[in-house]
Amino acid sequence: MIRADAFRVKLHTENRMLSVLQPHNMTVVGHGRDHQAGRHILDHQRMIPDGRKGRWQPLENADAIMADLRYLAMHQAAAPQGALLPLVIHTAKGVHRFDVEVARTEAEQEQGLMFRKALDADKGMLFPMEPPRTASFWMKNTIIPLDMLFIHTDGTIAFIGANVAPYSREPVSAGVPVVAVLELRGGRAAELGIKEGDRLSWGKCATTDGKSAIDLDFCPTTAR
């Protein structure tokens, strides 16, 4: 956590400059979640106003604060998306249904579930990997524990990062290419008996009426 008091910073991205006025006594929690977050910060102007001298002075801990403010400015909300994707997990104990948000774009995947204060038992977030690739996640600025389910291209669970601790910067990965990563409330996989090898599907094939509000279908040919 970084506390910032009434200062202005200039953030330079690849194609534009963003100037942010930081309110007095605003608490900044940080930025983060894998996918090389913050790599577009090319700033060289990291200054804070010095009232005694009437000019801008170098800002301490600029790298961390710049990254934090960039995220607050460019990803203001931690609010859930409107449309949800139906998803089912087939286990030895039965079928479990979820309605999940989809982090499809690079910006959405960088944001993930950062700053969320709660996650319902039947909700989550899906990170599709197109094309499939080895994915590594961390928990910087994620304030609730999460289960991370890494999904093989055949729809089976390759690895479960269980109850990953908030704010952890320890990378979590299956170590193999995956078609998606599903994040659930921490401890939910254990509660439902979800294990590695269980199978997922989402989209139209995960509903009883064959309808889905999001055009994203993953329907493995073999199901339990």
Protein backbone atom coordinates (compact mmCIF):
# COMPACT_ATOMS: atom_id res chain seq x y z
CA MET A 1 0.00 0.00 0.00
CA ILE A 2 1.26 3.42 -0.93
CA ARG A 3 -0.07 6.63 0.57
CA ALA A 4 0.08 9.72 -1.61
CA ASP A 5 -0.69 13.28 -0.61
CA ALA A 6 -1.68 15.91 -3.15
CA PHE A 7 0.79 15.55 -5.97
CA ARG A 8 0.72 15.46 -9.72
CA VAL A 9 2.56 12.95 -11.86
CA LYS A 10 2.92 12.64 -15.60
CA LEU A 11 2.54 9.21 -17.14
CA HIS A 12 3.94 8.56 -20.58
CA THR A 13 2.59 5.57 -22.51
CA GLU A 14 3.60 4.42 -25.97
CA ASN A 15 1.35 6.89 -27.72
CA ARG A 16 0.21 9.56 -25.27
CA MET A 17 0.87 11.32 -21.98
CA LEU A 18 -1.58 11.07 -19.10
CA SER A 19 -1.51 13.69 -16.35
CA VAL A 20 -3.04 12.64 -13.05
CA LEU A 21 -3.87 14.89 -10.12
CA GLN A 22 -3.68 12.83 -6.96
CA PRO A 23 -6.26 13.94 -4.29
CA HIS A 24 -5.08 14.79 -0.81
CA ASN A 25 -4.80 11.80 1.55
CA MET A 26 -5.92 9.28 -1.06
CA THR A 27 -4.78 5.73 -0.31
CA VAL A 28 -3.36 3.89 -3.29
CA VAL A 29 -3.34 0.11 -3.08
CA GLY A 30 -1.09 -0.56 -6.06
CA HIS A 31 -1.19 -2.27 -9.43
CA GLY A 32 -0.67 -5.71 -10.68
CA ARG A 33 -1.58 -9.03 -12.15
CA ASP A 34 0.86 -10.77 -14.40
CA HIS A 35 0.85 -10.39 -18.18
CA GLN A 36 3.77 -7.96 -17.89
CA ALA A 37 1.51 -5.36 -16.31
CA GLY A 38 2.71 -1.81 -16.56
CA ARG A 39 5.22 -2.45 -19.33
CA HIS A 40 4.06 0.60 -21.32
CA ILE A 41 5.26 3.06 -18.69
CA LEU A 42 8.06 4.97 -20.35
CA ASP A 43 7.99 7.93 -17.99
CA HIS A 44 11.06 10.00 -17.19
CA GLN A 45 9.26 12.89 -15.46
CA ARG A 46 8.62 11.80 -11.87
CA MET A 47 8.22 14.95 -9.88
CA ILE A 48 6.44 16.32 -6.83
CA PRO A 49 5.79 20.01 -6.14
CA ASP A 50 8.10 21.57 -3.56
CA GLY A 51 6.14 24.41 -1.95
CA ARG A 52 9.22 25.84 -0.27
CA LYS A 53 11.11 26.34 -3.53
CA GLY A 54 8.15 26.82 -5.86
CA ARG A 55 9.25 24.14 -8.26
CA TRP A 56 8.96 20.41 -8.96
CA GLN A 57 11.28 18.05 -7.12
CA PRO A 58 12.07 14.35 -7.73
CA LEU A 59 9.52 11.97 -6.24
CA GLU A 60 10.75 9.13 -4.03
CA ASN A 61 9.59 5.58 -4.89
CA ALA A 62 8.49 6.91 -8.25
CA ASP A 63 8.42 3.57 -10.06
CA ALA A 64 5.92 2.01 -7.69
CA ILE A 65 3.75 5.10 -7.39
CA MET A 66 3.73 5.71 -11.14
CA ALA A 67 2.55 2.18 -11.78
CA ASP A 68 -0.13 2.46 -9.10
CA LEU A 69 -1.49 5.75 -10.42
CA ARG A 70 -1.44 4.52 -14.00
CA TYR A 71 -3.71 1.68 -13.01
CA LEU A 72 -6.07 3.89 -11.03
CA ALA A 73 -6.31 6.32 -13.93
CA MET A 74 -6.70 3.79 -16.73
CA HIS A 75 -8.66 1.15 -14.81
CA GLN A 76 -10.69 3.21 -12.40
CA ALA A 77 -13.41 0.68 -11.69
CA ALA A 78 -13.18 -2.71 -10.13
CA ALA A 79 -16.86 -3.21 -10.93
CA PRO A 80 -18.13 -6.46 -12.42
CA GLN A 81 -19.02 -6.57 -16.09
CA GLY A 82 -22.68 -6.70 -17.15
CA ALA A 83 -22.82 -9.83 -19.32
CA LEU A 84 -21.77 -13.12 -17.76
CA LEU A 85 -20.63 -16.34 -19.38
CA PRO A 86 -22.26 -19.64 -18.33
CA LEU A 87 -19.63 -22.22 -17.30
CA VAL A 88 -19.89 -25.74 -15.93
CA ILE A 89 -17.39 -27.99 -14.19
CA HIS A 90 -17.96 -31.75 -14.37
CA THR A 91 -16.64 -33.53 -11.28
CA ALA A 92 -16.94 -36.96 -9.71
CA LYS A 93 -19.53 -35.45 -7.33
CA GLY A 94 -21.65 -33.85 -10.04
CA VAL A 95 -21.93 -30.78 -12.24
CA HIS A 96 -21.28 -27.33 -10.81
CA ARG A 97 -22.52 -24.24 -12.62
CA PHE A 98 -21.06 -20.75 -12.58
CA ASP A 99 -21.72 -17.42 -14.27
CA VAL A 100 -18.37 -15.76 -14.87
CA GLU A 101 -16.94 -12.54 -16.21
CA VAL A 102 -14.61 -12.77 -19.17
CA ALA A 103 -11.25 -10.98 -19.25
CA ARG A 104 -10.69 -11.15 -22.98
CA THR A 105 -8.56 -8.15 -23.89
CA GLU A 106 -5.03 -7.43 -22.70
CA ALA A 107 -6.25 -4.56 -20.54
CA GLU A 108 -8.98 -6.71 -18.97
CA GLN A 109 -6.51 -9.47 -18.22
CA GLU A 110 -4.09 -7.02 -16.61
CA GLN A 111 -6.92 -5.74 -14.41
CA GLY A 112 -8.41 -9.13 -13.53
CA LEU A 113 -10.06 -9.16 -10.10
CA MET A 114 -7.87 -6.46 -8.60
CA PHE A 115 -9.44 -4.38 -5.83
CA ARG A 116 -12.56 -6.56 -5.61
CA LYS A 117 -13.77 -6.82 -2.04
CA ALA A 118 -15.86 -9.96 -2.53
CA LEU A 119 -16.67 -12.70 -5.04
CA ASP A 120 -19.91 -14.68 -4.91
CA ALA A 121 -19.77 -18.45 -4.59
CA ASP A 122 -21.22 -19.04 -8.06
CA LYS A 123 -19.23 -16.29 -9.79
CA GLY A 124 -15.69 -15.98 -11.11
CA MET A 125 -13.56 -14.67 -13.96
CA LEU A 126 -12.32 -16.53 -17.04
CA PHE A 127 -9.08 -15.58 -18.80
CA PRO A 128 -9.13 -17.11 -22.31
CA MET A 129 -5.70 -17.74 -23.86
CA GLU A 130 -5.85 -17.31 -27.64
CA PRO A 131 -3.79 -19.10 -28.77
CA PRO A 132 -3.18 -21.47 -25.84
CA ARG A 133 0.01 -20.64 -23.94
CA THR A 134 1.78 -21.11 -20.64
CA ALA A 135 0.25 -18.53 -18.29
CA SER A 136 1.59 -17.18 -15.01
CA PHE A 137 -0.54 -15.19 -12.56
CA TRP A 138 0.13 -13.29 -9.35
CA MET A 139 -1.99 -11.55 -6.72
CA LYS A 140 -0.57 -8.06 -6.45
CA ASN A 141 -3.43 -5.70 -5.56
CA THR A 142 -5.90 -8.58 -5.38
CA ILE A 143 -7.37 -8.23 -1.92
CA ILE A 144 -9.36 -11.48 -1.65
CA PRO A 145 -8.00 -15.06 -1.82
CA LEU A 146 -8.63 -16.89 -5.10
CA ASP A 147 -8.59 -20.37 -6.56
CA MET A 148 -6.88 -20.46 -9.97
CA LEU A 149 -7.87 -23.29 -12.31
CA PHE A 150 -5.59 -23.78 -15.32
CA ILE A 151 -7.43 -25.49 -18.18
CA HIS A 152 -5.85 -27.89 -20.68
CA THR A 153 -6.81 -27.59 -24.35
CA ASP A 154 -8.98 -30.73 -23.92
CA GLY A 155 -11.00 -28.99 -21.20
CA THR A 156 -9.52 -30.80 -18.22
CA ILE A 157 -8.02 -29.01 -15.25
CA ALA A 158 -4.24 -29.14 -15.52
CA PHE A 159 -3.48 -27.46 -12.20
CA ILE A 160 -5.28 -25.76 -9.32
CA GLY A 161 -3.63 -22.91 -7.46
CA ALA A 162 -5.71 -23.26 -4.31
CA ASN A 163 -6.66 -20.38 -2.03
CA VAL A 164 -3.86 -18.14 -3.28
CA ALA A 165 -3.11 -15.44 -0.73
CA PRO A 166 -4.03 -11.78 -1.36
CA TYR A 167 -1.20 -9.50 -2.52
CA SER A 168 1.16 -12.40 -3.16
CA ARG A 169 3.71 -11.79 -5.92
CA GLU A 170 4.63 -15.46 -6.12
CA PRO A 171 3.87 -16.60 -9.70
CA VAL A 172 1.22 -19.31 -10.07
CA SER A 173 1.38 -21.43 -13.23
CA ALA A 174 0.53 -24.89 -14.54
CA GLY A 175 3.83 -24.95 -16.43
CA VAL A 176 2.08 -26.12 -19.60
CA PRO A 177 0.08 -24.35 -22.34
CA VAL A 178 -3.53 -23.77 -21.32
CA VAL A 179 -6.63 -22.63 -23.16
CA ALA A 180 -7.86 -20.56 -20.21
CA VAL A 181 -7.52 -19.81 -16.52
CA LEU A 182 -10.57 -19.64 -14.28
CA GLU A 183 -10.51 -17.69 -11.02
CA LEU A 184 -13.01 -18.57 -8.29
CA ARG A 185 -13.46 -17.46 -4.71
CA GLY A 186 -10.64 -18.80 -2.56
CA GLY A 187 -11.39 -22.29 -1.24
CA ARG A 188 -14.33 -22.87 -3.56
CA ALA A 189 -12.68 -25.73 -5.47
CA ALA A 190 -12.12 -27.67 -2.25
CA GLU A 191 -15.67 -26.97 -1.08
CA LEU A 192 -17.11 -28.50 -4.26
CA GLY A 193 -14.59 -31.30 -4.59
CA ILE A 194 -13.16 -29.87 -7.82
CA LYS A 195 -9.89 -31.59 -8.68
CA GLU A 196 -7.26 -31.72 -11.37
CA GLY A 197 -8.57 -33.81 -14.27
CA ASP A 198 -12.14 -32.53 -13.91
CA ARG A 199 -13.57 -31.09 -17.11
CA LEU A 200 -14.92 -27.64 -17.98
CA SER A 201 -17.08 -26.23 -20.73
CA TRP A 202 -18.53 -22.77 -21.26
CA GLY A 203 -20.81 -20.80 -23.53
CA LYS A 204 -23.85 -22.28 -25.25
CA CYS A 205 -22.90 -25.87 -24.41
CA ALA A 206 -22.91 -24.98 -20.71
CA THR A 207 -26.60 -24.06 -20.67
CA THR A 208 -29.79 -26.09 -20.84
CA ASP A 209 -31.33 -23.87 -23.53
CA GLY A 210 -28.21 -23.49 -25.71
CA LYS A 211 -28.10 -19.71 -25.23
CA SER A 212 -25.32 -17.46 -23.99
CA ALA A 213 -25.04 -13.66 -23.77
CA ILE A 214 -21.33 -13.83 -24.67
CA ASP A 215 -20.06 -15.22 -27.95
CA LEU A 216 -17.42 -17.51 -26.47
CA ASP A 217 -17.97 -21.25 -26.62
CA PHE A 218 -15.69 -24.03 -25.44
CA CYS A 219 -17.23 -27.46 -25.81
CA PRO A 220 -14.84 -30.41 -25.40
CA THR A 221 -15.97 -33.46 -27.33
CA THR A 222 -15.62 -35.78 -24.33
CA ALA A 223 -17.58 -34.98 -21.19
CA ARG A 224 -18.25 -36.87 -17.99
